[in-house]
Amino acid sequence: MNPTYALHETLEAHEIAAFKTVCMTKSKTMQALVSDRELLQILQDDVVLSTRQLQELSEQLSKAMI
């Protein structure tokens, strides 16, 4: 059975997705400017993790019924 979310919950999930997308875009963009290997690895890890989290959030939102 698909979960049912209240409208405010769905909107909050969309806000989280939008914010996470902006953060991921910044991490991707900053990679070109970073010379420190450790910081570069942190940014790369963040992009991988953010991508996975956005995919999971997208799957949950697509299953949800309002």
N, C-alpha and C. Protein backbone atom coordinates (compact mmCIF):
# COMPACT_ATOMS: atom_id res chain seq x y z
N MET A 1 0.84 -1.18 0.00
CA MET A 1 0.00 0.00 0.00
C MET A 1 0.88 1.24 0.00
N ASN A 2 0.53 2.21 -0.82
CA ASN A 2 1.28 3.45 -0.90
C ASN A 2 0.98 4.34 0.29
N PRO A 3 2.00 5.03 0.79
CA PRO A 3 1.76 5.93 1.92
C PRO A 3 0.93 7.13 1.49
N THR A 4 0.20 7.67 2.43
CA THR A 4 -0.58 8.88 2.19
C THR A 4 0.01 9.98 3.06
N TYR A 5 0.37 11.06 2.40
CA TYR A 5 0.97 12.19 3.12
C TYR A 5 0.03 13.38 3.07
N ALA A 6 0.05 14.16 4.14
CA ALA A 6 -0.70 15.41 4.14
C ALA A 6 0.00 16.38 3.19
N LEU A 7 -0.75 17.36 2.73
CA LEU A 7 -0.21 18.31 1.77
C LEU A 7 1.03 19.01 2.31
N HIS A 8 1.02 19.41 3.58
CA HIS A 8 2.17 20.12 4.14
C HIS A 8 3.40 19.22 4.19
N GLU A 9 3.20 17.92 4.37
CA GLU A 9 4.33 16.99 4.38
C GLU A 9 4.94 16.87 2.98
N THR A 10 4.09 16.80 2.00
CA THR A 10 4.56 16.73 0.62
C THR A 10 5.32 17.99 0.24
N LEU A 11 4.78 19.14 0.62
CA LEU A 11 5.45 20.40 0.31
C LEU A 11 6.80 20.50 1.02
N GLU A 12 6.87 20.05 2.26
CA GLU A 12 8.13 20.07 2.99
C GLU A 12 9.15 19.14 2.33
N ALA A 13 8.71 18.00 1.85
CA ALA A 13 9.61 17.09 1.16
C ALA A 13 10.15 17.72 -0.12
N HIS A 14 9.29 18.45 -0.82
CA HIS A 14 9.74 19.16 -2.03
C HIS A 14 10.75 20.26 -1.68
N GLU A 15 10.52 20.95 -0.58
CA GLU A 15 11.47 21.98 -0.12
C GLU A 15 12.82 21.37 0.22
N ILE A 16 12.80 20.21 0.88
CA ILE A 16 14.04 19.52 1.22
C ILE A 16 14.77 19.12 -0.06
N ALA A 17 14.03 18.61 -1.03
CA ALA A 17 14.64 18.21 -2.30
C ALA A 17 15.26 19.40 -3.02
N ALA A 18 14.58 20.53 -3.00
CA ALA A 18 15.11 21.72 -3.66
C ALA A 18 16.38 22.20 -2.96
N PHE A 19 16.37 22.22 -1.64
CA PHE A 19 17.55 22.65 -0.89
C PHE A 19 18.71 21.69 -1.12
N LYS A 20 18.44 20.40 -1.10
CA LYS A 20 19.49 19.39 -1.30
C LYS A 20 20.07 19.50 -2.70
N THR A 21 19.24 19.82 -3.68
CA THR A 21 19.72 20.00 -5.05
C THR A 21 20.66 21.19 -5.15
N VAL A 22 20.32 22.28 -4.49
CA VAL A 22 21.19 23.46 -4.48
C VAL A 22 22.53 23.14 -3.82
N CYS A 23 22.49 22.42 -2.71
CA CYS A 23 23.72 22.04 -2.01
C CYS A 23 24.59 21.15 -2.88
N MET A 24 23.97 20.20 -3.57
CA MET A 24 24.72 19.30 -4.43
C MET A 24 25.33 20.06 -5.60
N THR A 25 24.59 20.98 -6.17
CA THR A 25 25.11 21.79 -7.27
C THR A 25 26.33 22.60 -6.82
N LYS A 26 26.26 23.15 -5.62
CA LYS A 26 27.38 23.90 -5.08
C LYS A 26 28.59 23.00 -4.88
N SER A 27 28.39 21.81 -4.35
CA SER A 27 29.50 20.88 -4.15
C SER A 27 30.14 20.50 -5.48
N LYS A 28 29.32 20.26 -6.50
CA LYS A 28 29.85 19.92 -7.82
C LYS A 28 30.65 21.08 -8.40
N THR A 29 30.11 22.28 -8.27
CA THR A 29 30.77 23.47 -8.82
C THR A 29 32.08 23.77 -8.11
N MET A 30 32.09 23.64 -6.80
CA MET A 30 33.28 23.95 -6.02
C MET A 30 34.43 22.98 -6.26
N GLN A 31 34.13 21.79 -6.74
CA GLN A 31 35.18 20.80 -7.00
C GLN A 31 36.23 21.34 -7.98
N ALA A 32 35.80 22.13 -8.94
CA ALA A 32 36.72 22.68 -9.93
C ALA A 32 37.66 23.72 -9.32
N LEU A 33 37.30 24.29 -8.19
CA LEU A 33 38.08 25.36 -7.58
C LEU A 33 38.97 24.90 -6.43
N VAL A 34 38.80 23.66 -5.99
CA VAL A 34 39.48 23.16 -4.80
C VAL A 34 40.79 22.49 -5.18
N SER A 35 41.84 22.83 -4.44
CA SER A 35 43.13 22.17 -4.69
C SER A 35 43.48 21.17 -3.59
N ASP A 36 42.87 21.29 -2.43
CA ASP A 36 43.13 20.38 -1.32
C ASP A 36 42.46 19.04 -1.58
N ARG A 37 43.25 17.96 -1.54
CA ARG A 37 42.72 16.63 -1.86
C ARG A 37 41.65 16.17 -0.87
N GLU A 38 41.85 16.46 0.40
CA GLU A 38 40.88 16.04 1.41
C GLU A 38 39.54 16.75 1.23
N LEU A 39 39.60 18.05 0.98
CA LEU A 39 38.37 18.80 0.75
C LEU A 39 37.69 18.34 -0.54
N LEU A 40 38.47 18.05 -1.56
CA LEU A 40 37.91 17.55 -2.81
C LEU A 40 37.18 16.23 -2.58
N GLN A 41 37.77 15.35 -1.78
CA GLN A 41 37.13 14.07 -1.49
C GLN A 41 35.83 14.27 -0.71
N ILE A 42 35.82 15.21 0.21
CA ILE A 42 34.59 15.51 0.96
C ILE A 42 33.50 16.00 0.01
N LEU A 43 33.85 16.86 -0.92
CA LEU A 43 32.87 17.37 -1.88
C LEU A 43 32.37 16.25 -2.79
N GLN A 44 33.26 15.39 -3.23
CA GLN A 44 32.86 14.26 -4.08
C GLN A 44 31.94 13.31 -3.33
N ASP A 45 32.27 13.03 -2.08
CA ASP A 45 31.42 12.16 -1.26
C ASP A 45 30.05 12.78 -1.06
N ASP A 46 30.02 14.09 -0.87
CA ASP A 46 28.75 14.79 -0.69
C ASP A 46 27.88 14.67 -1.93
N VAL A 47 28.48 14.78 -3.10
CA VAL A 47 27.72 14.66 -4.34
C VAL A 47 27.12 13.25 -4.48
N VAL A 48 27.93 12.25 -4.19
CA VAL A 48 27.44 10.87 -4.28
C VAL A 48 26.30 10.63 -3.29
N LEU A 49 26.50 11.05 -2.05
CA LEU A 49 25.47 10.87 -1.02
C LEU A 49 24.21 11.66 -1.36
N SER A 50 24.37 12.89 -1.78
CA SER A 50 23.21 13.73 -2.13
C SER A 50 22.43 13.14 -3.29
N THR A 51 23.14 12.61 -4.27
CA THR A 51 22.47 11.99 -5.41
C THR A 51 21.61 10.82 -4.95
N ARG A 52 22.17 9.98 -4.09
CA ARG A 52 21.43 8.83 -3.58
C ARG A 52 20.22 9.28 -2.75
N GLN A 53 20.42 10.28 -1.91
CA GLN A 53 19.32 10.77 -1.07
C GLN A 53 18.20 11.39 -1.91
N LEU A 54 18.58 12.14 -2.94
CA LEU A 54 17.56 12.74 -3.81
C LEU A 54 16.79 11.66 -4.58
N GLN A 55 17.48 10.61 -4.97
CA GLN A 55 16.81 9.51 -5.66
C GLN A 55 15.80 8.83 -4.72
N GLU A 56 16.22 8.59 -3.49
CA GLU A 56 15.33 7.96 -2.51
C GLU A 56 14.12 8.85 -2.21
N LEU A 57 14.37 10.13 -2.06
CA LEU A 57 13.28 11.07 -1.80
C LEU A 57 12.31 11.11 -2.98
N SER A 58 12.86 11.11 -4.18
CA SER A 58 12.03 11.11 -5.37
C SER A 58 11.17 9.86 -5.45
N GLU A 59 11.75 8.72 -5.12
CA GLU A 59 10.98 7.47 -5.12
C GLU A 59 9.83 7.52 -4.11
N GLN A 60 10.12 8.04 -2.93
CA GLN A 60 9.06 8.14 -1.91
C GLN A 60 7.95 9.10 -2.34
N LEU A 61 8.33 10.22 -2.93
CA LEU A 61 7.32 11.18 -3.36
C LEU A 61 6.49 10.63 -4.51
N SER A 62 7.11 9.84 -5.38
CA SER A 62 6.34 9.28 -6.50
C SER A 62 5.36 8.21 -6.03
N LYS A 63 5.66 7.54 -4.91
CA LYS A 63 4.76 6.53 -4.36
C LYS A 63 3.62 7.16 -3.54
N ALA A 64 3.86 8.35 -3.05
CA ALA A 64 2.90 8.99 -2.13
C ALA A 64 1.63 9.41 -2.84
N MET A 65 0.56 9.27 -2.14
CA MET A 65 -0.73 9.75 -2.62
C MET A 65 -1.15 10.91 -1.74
N ILE A 66 -1.58 11.97 -2.36
CA ILE A 66 -2.03 13.14 -1.58
C ILE A 66 -3.48 12.98 -1.20
